[in-house]
Amino acid sequence: GVGLMVTGGISPNRAGWVGPFASKLTTNEEMEKHKLVTDAVHSVTVPSVDNPHGETARICMQILHTGRYAYHPFAVSCSATKSPISPFPARALTVPQIL
């Protein structure tokens, strides 16, 4: 069994999307959709050396902000550069926008 499942590529905002309609977590509606996966993982018991009854499986969401590698025109990064894999240059963030 799997004790910890890592799921990734979830953007914290639209500017950090991999591309349009990619996974993100910015609204209550999106949270409810992600909870379907979380609840399914938590419903599983996995074998454990320390506990003969097993342990509840765990899930960890990897947050991903794509920066200049985003494949959309809303990309932001620490500098106004374009990655070699995206046709869109990123907009540089200012210090207040970062803080």
C-alpha atoms as a PDB file:
ATOM      1  CA  GLY A   1       0.000   0.000   0.000  1.00  0.00           C
ATOM      2  CA  VAL A   2       0.864   3.642  -0.196  1.00  0.00           C
ATOM      3  CA  GLY A   3       1.320   5.561   3.072  1.00  0.00           C
ATOM      4  CA  LEU A   4       1.628   9.013   1.505  1.00  0.00           C
ATOM      5  CA  MET A   5       0.340   9.994  -1.901  1.00  0.00           C
ATOM      6  CA  VAL A   6       1.721  13.215  -3.374  1.00  0.00           C
ATOM      7  CA  THR A   7      -0.425  14.965  -5.928  1.00  0.00           C
ATOM      8  CA  GLY A   8       0.978  17.959  -7.695  1.00  0.00           C
ATOM      9  CA  GLY A   9       0.781  20.705 -10.186  1.00  0.00           C
ATOM     10  CA  ILE A  10      -1.915  22.618  -8.303  1.00  0.00           C
ATOM     11  CA  SER A  11      -1.558  26.342  -8.865  1.00  0.00           C
ATOM     12  CA  PRO A  12      -2.165  28.879  -6.085  1.00  0.00           C
ATOM     13  CA  ASN A  13      -3.580  31.398  -8.585  1.00  0.00           C
ATOM     14  CA  ARG A  14      -4.358  32.017 -12.252  1.00  0.00           C
ATOM     15  CA  ALA A  15      -0.984  33.649 -12.931  1.00  0.00           C
ATOM     16  CA  GLY A  16       0.715  30.437 -11.780  1.00  0.00           C
ATOM     17  CA  TRP A  17      -1.371  28.098 -13.951  1.00  0.00           C
ATOM     18  CA  VAL A  18       0.469  25.710 -16.234  1.00  0.00           C
ATOM     19  CA  GLY A  19      -2.108  26.717 -18.837  1.00  0.00           C
ATOM     20  CA  PRO A  20      -5.766  27.671 -19.196  1.00  0.00           C
ATOM     21  CA  PHE A  21      -8.092  25.350 -17.270  1.00  0.00           C
ATOM     22  CA  ALA A  22      -5.188  23.683 -15.437  1.00  0.00           C
ATOM     23  CA  SER A  23      -5.683  22.722 -11.813  1.00  0.00           C
ATOM     24  CA  LYS A  24      -5.688  25.522  -9.267  1.00  0.00           C
ATOM     25  CA  LEU A  25      -6.973  26.049  -5.766  1.00  0.00           C
ATOM     26  CA  THR A  26      -8.354  29.553  -5.353  1.00  0.00           C
ATOM     27  CA  THR A  27     -12.092  29.169  -4.737  1.00  0.00           C
ATOM     28  CA  ASN A  28     -14.367  27.213  -2.401  1.00  0.00           C
ATOM     29  CA  GLU A  29     -15.764  25.354  -5.426  1.00  0.00           C
ATOM     30  CA  GLU A  30     -12.261  24.196  -6.409  1.00  0.00           C
ATOM     31  CA  MET A  31     -11.590  23.205  -2.794  1.00  0.00           C
ATOM     32  CA  GLU A  32     -14.693  20.994  -2.799  1.00  0.00           C
ATOM     33  CA  LYS A  33     -13.494  19.288  -5.996  1.00  0.00           C
ATOM     34  CA  HIS A  34     -10.064  18.623  -4.476  1.00  0.00           C
ATOM     35  CA  LYS A  35     -11.759  17.250  -1.340  1.00  0.00           C
ATOM     36  CA  LEU A  36     -13.210  14.408  -3.456  1.00  0.00           C
ATOM     37  CA  VAL A  37      -9.690  13.111  -4.028  1.00  0.00           C
ATOM     38  CA  THR A  38      -8.580  13.817  -0.447  1.00  0.00           C
ATOM     39  CA  ASP A  39     -11.589  12.008   1.014  1.00  0.00           C
ATOM     40  CA  ALA A  40     -11.027   9.010  -1.276  1.00  0.00           C
ATOM     41  CA  VAL A  41      -7.392   8.707  -0.166  1.00  0.00           C
ATOM     42  CA  HIS A  42      -8.310   9.126   3.509  1.00  0.00           C
ATOM     43  CA  SER A  43     -10.877   6.331   3.187  1.00  0.00           C
ATOM     44  CA  VAL A  44      -8.088   3.791   2.583  1.00  0.00           C
ATOM     45  CA  THR A  45      -6.269   1.887   5.325  1.00  0.00           C
ATOM     46  CA  VAL A  46      -2.704   0.887   4.538  1.00  0.00           C
ATOM     47  CA  PRO A  47      -0.607  -1.785   6.276  1.00  0.00           C
ATOM     48  CA  SER A  48       1.644  -0.588   9.079  1.00  0.00           C
ATOM     49  CA  VAL A  49       4.513  -2.212  10.954  1.00  0.00           C
ATOM     50  CA  ASP A  50       3.625  -0.249  14.102  1.00  0.00           C
ATOM     51  CA  ASN A  51      -0.156  -0.758  13.999  1.00  0.00           C
ATOM     52  CA  PRO A  52      -1.701  -4.168  13.211  1.00  0.00           C
ATOM     53  CA  HIS A  53      -4.959  -2.430  12.241  1.00  0.00           C
ATOM     54  CA  GLY A  54      -3.217  -0.294   9.632  1.00  0.00           C
ATOM     55  CA  GLU A  55      -2.981   3.466   9.190  1.00  0.00           C
ATOM     56  CA  THR A  56      -5.106   5.951   7.323  1.00  0.00           C
ATOM     57  CA  ALA A  57      -3.503   6.847   4.007  1.00  0.00           C
ATOM     58  CA  ARG A  58      -2.350  10.444   3.670  1.00  0.00           C
ATOM     59  CA  ILE A  59      -2.200  12.842   0.770  1.00  0.00           C
ATOM     60  CA  CYS A  60       0.033  15.869   0.241  1.00  0.00           C
ATOM     61  CA  MET A  61      -0.830  18.485  -2.374  1.00  0.00           C
ATOM     62  CA  GLN A  62       2.173  19.950  -4.152  1.00  0.00           C
ATOM     63  CA  ILE A  63       1.673  23.635  -4.884  1.00  0.00           C
ATOM     64  CA  LEU A  64       3.133  24.650  -8.241  1.00  0.00           C
ATOM     65  CA  HIS A  65       3.578  28.182  -9.534  1.00  0.00           C
ATOM     66  CA  THR A  66       4.942  27.907 -13.066  1.00  0.00           C
ATOM     67  CA  GLY A  67       6.476  31.390 -13.298  1.00  0.00           C
ATOM     68  CA  ARG A  68       7.995  31.995 -16.723  1.00  0.00           C
ATOM     69  CA  TYR A  69       7.207  28.411 -17.742  1.00  0.00           C
ATOM     70  CA  ALA A  70       3.471  29.119 -17.798  1.00  0.00           C
ATOM     71  CA  TYR A  71       1.819  28.515 -21.142  1.00  0.00           C
ATOM     72  CA  HIS A  72      -0.491  31.541 -21.104  1.00  0.00           C
ATOM     73  CA  PRO A  73      -0.185  35.342 -21.446  1.00  0.00           C
ATOM     74  CA  PHE A  74      -0.886  36.036 -17.729  1.00  0.00           C
ATOM     75  CA  ALA A  75       2.427  34.582 -16.514  1.00  0.00           C
ATOM     76  CA  VAL A  76       4.381  36.402 -13.814  1.00  0.00           C
ATOM     77  CA  SER A  77       7.919  35.819 -12.628  1.00  0.00           C
ATOM     78  CA  CYS A  78      10.788  37.509 -10.828  1.00  0.00           C
ATOM     79  CA  SER A  79      11.908  38.954 -14.176  1.00  0.00           C
ATOM     80  CA  ALA A  80      10.355  39.771 -17.539  1.00  0.00           C
ATOM     81  CA  THR A  81      11.744  36.766 -19.351  1.00  0.00           C
ATOM     82  CA  LYS A  82      10.393  34.087 -21.637  1.00  0.00           C
ATOM     83  CA  SER A  83      11.101  30.425 -21.104  1.00  0.00           C
ATOM     84  CA  PRO A  84      12.286  28.313 -24.035  1.00  0.00           C
ATOM     85  CA  ILE A  85       9.077  26.246 -23.904  1.00  0.00           C
ATOM     86  CA  SER A  86       6.449  29.001 -23.832  1.00  0.00           C
ATOM     87  CA  PRO A  87       5.605  31.582 -26.497  1.00  0.00           C
ATOM     88  CA  PHE A  88       4.575  34.052 -23.768  1.00  0.00           C
ATOM     89  CA  PRO A  89       7.025  36.263 -21.879  1.00  0.00           C
ATOM     90  CA  ALA A  90       6.365  36.588 -18.167  1.00  0.00           C
ATOM     91  CA  ARG A  91       5.609  39.928 -16.566  1.00  0.00           C
ATOM     92  CA  ALA A  92       8.104  40.887 -13.860  1.00  0.00           C
ATOM     93  CA  LEU A  93       6.650  41.264 -10.375  1.00  0.00           C
ATOM     94  CA  THR A  94       7.544  44.302  -8.296  1.00  0.00           C
ATOM     95  CA  VAL A  95       8.812  43.964  -4.729  1.00  0.00           C
ATOM     96  CA  PRO A  96       5.409  45.039  -3.255  1.00  0.00           C
ATOM     97  CA  GLN A  97       3.657  42.432  -5.425  1.00  0.00           C
ATOM     98  CA  ILE A  98       5.980  39.753  -4.076  1.00  0.00           C
ATOM     99  CA  LEU A  99       5.558  40.820  -0.468  1.00  0.00           C
END
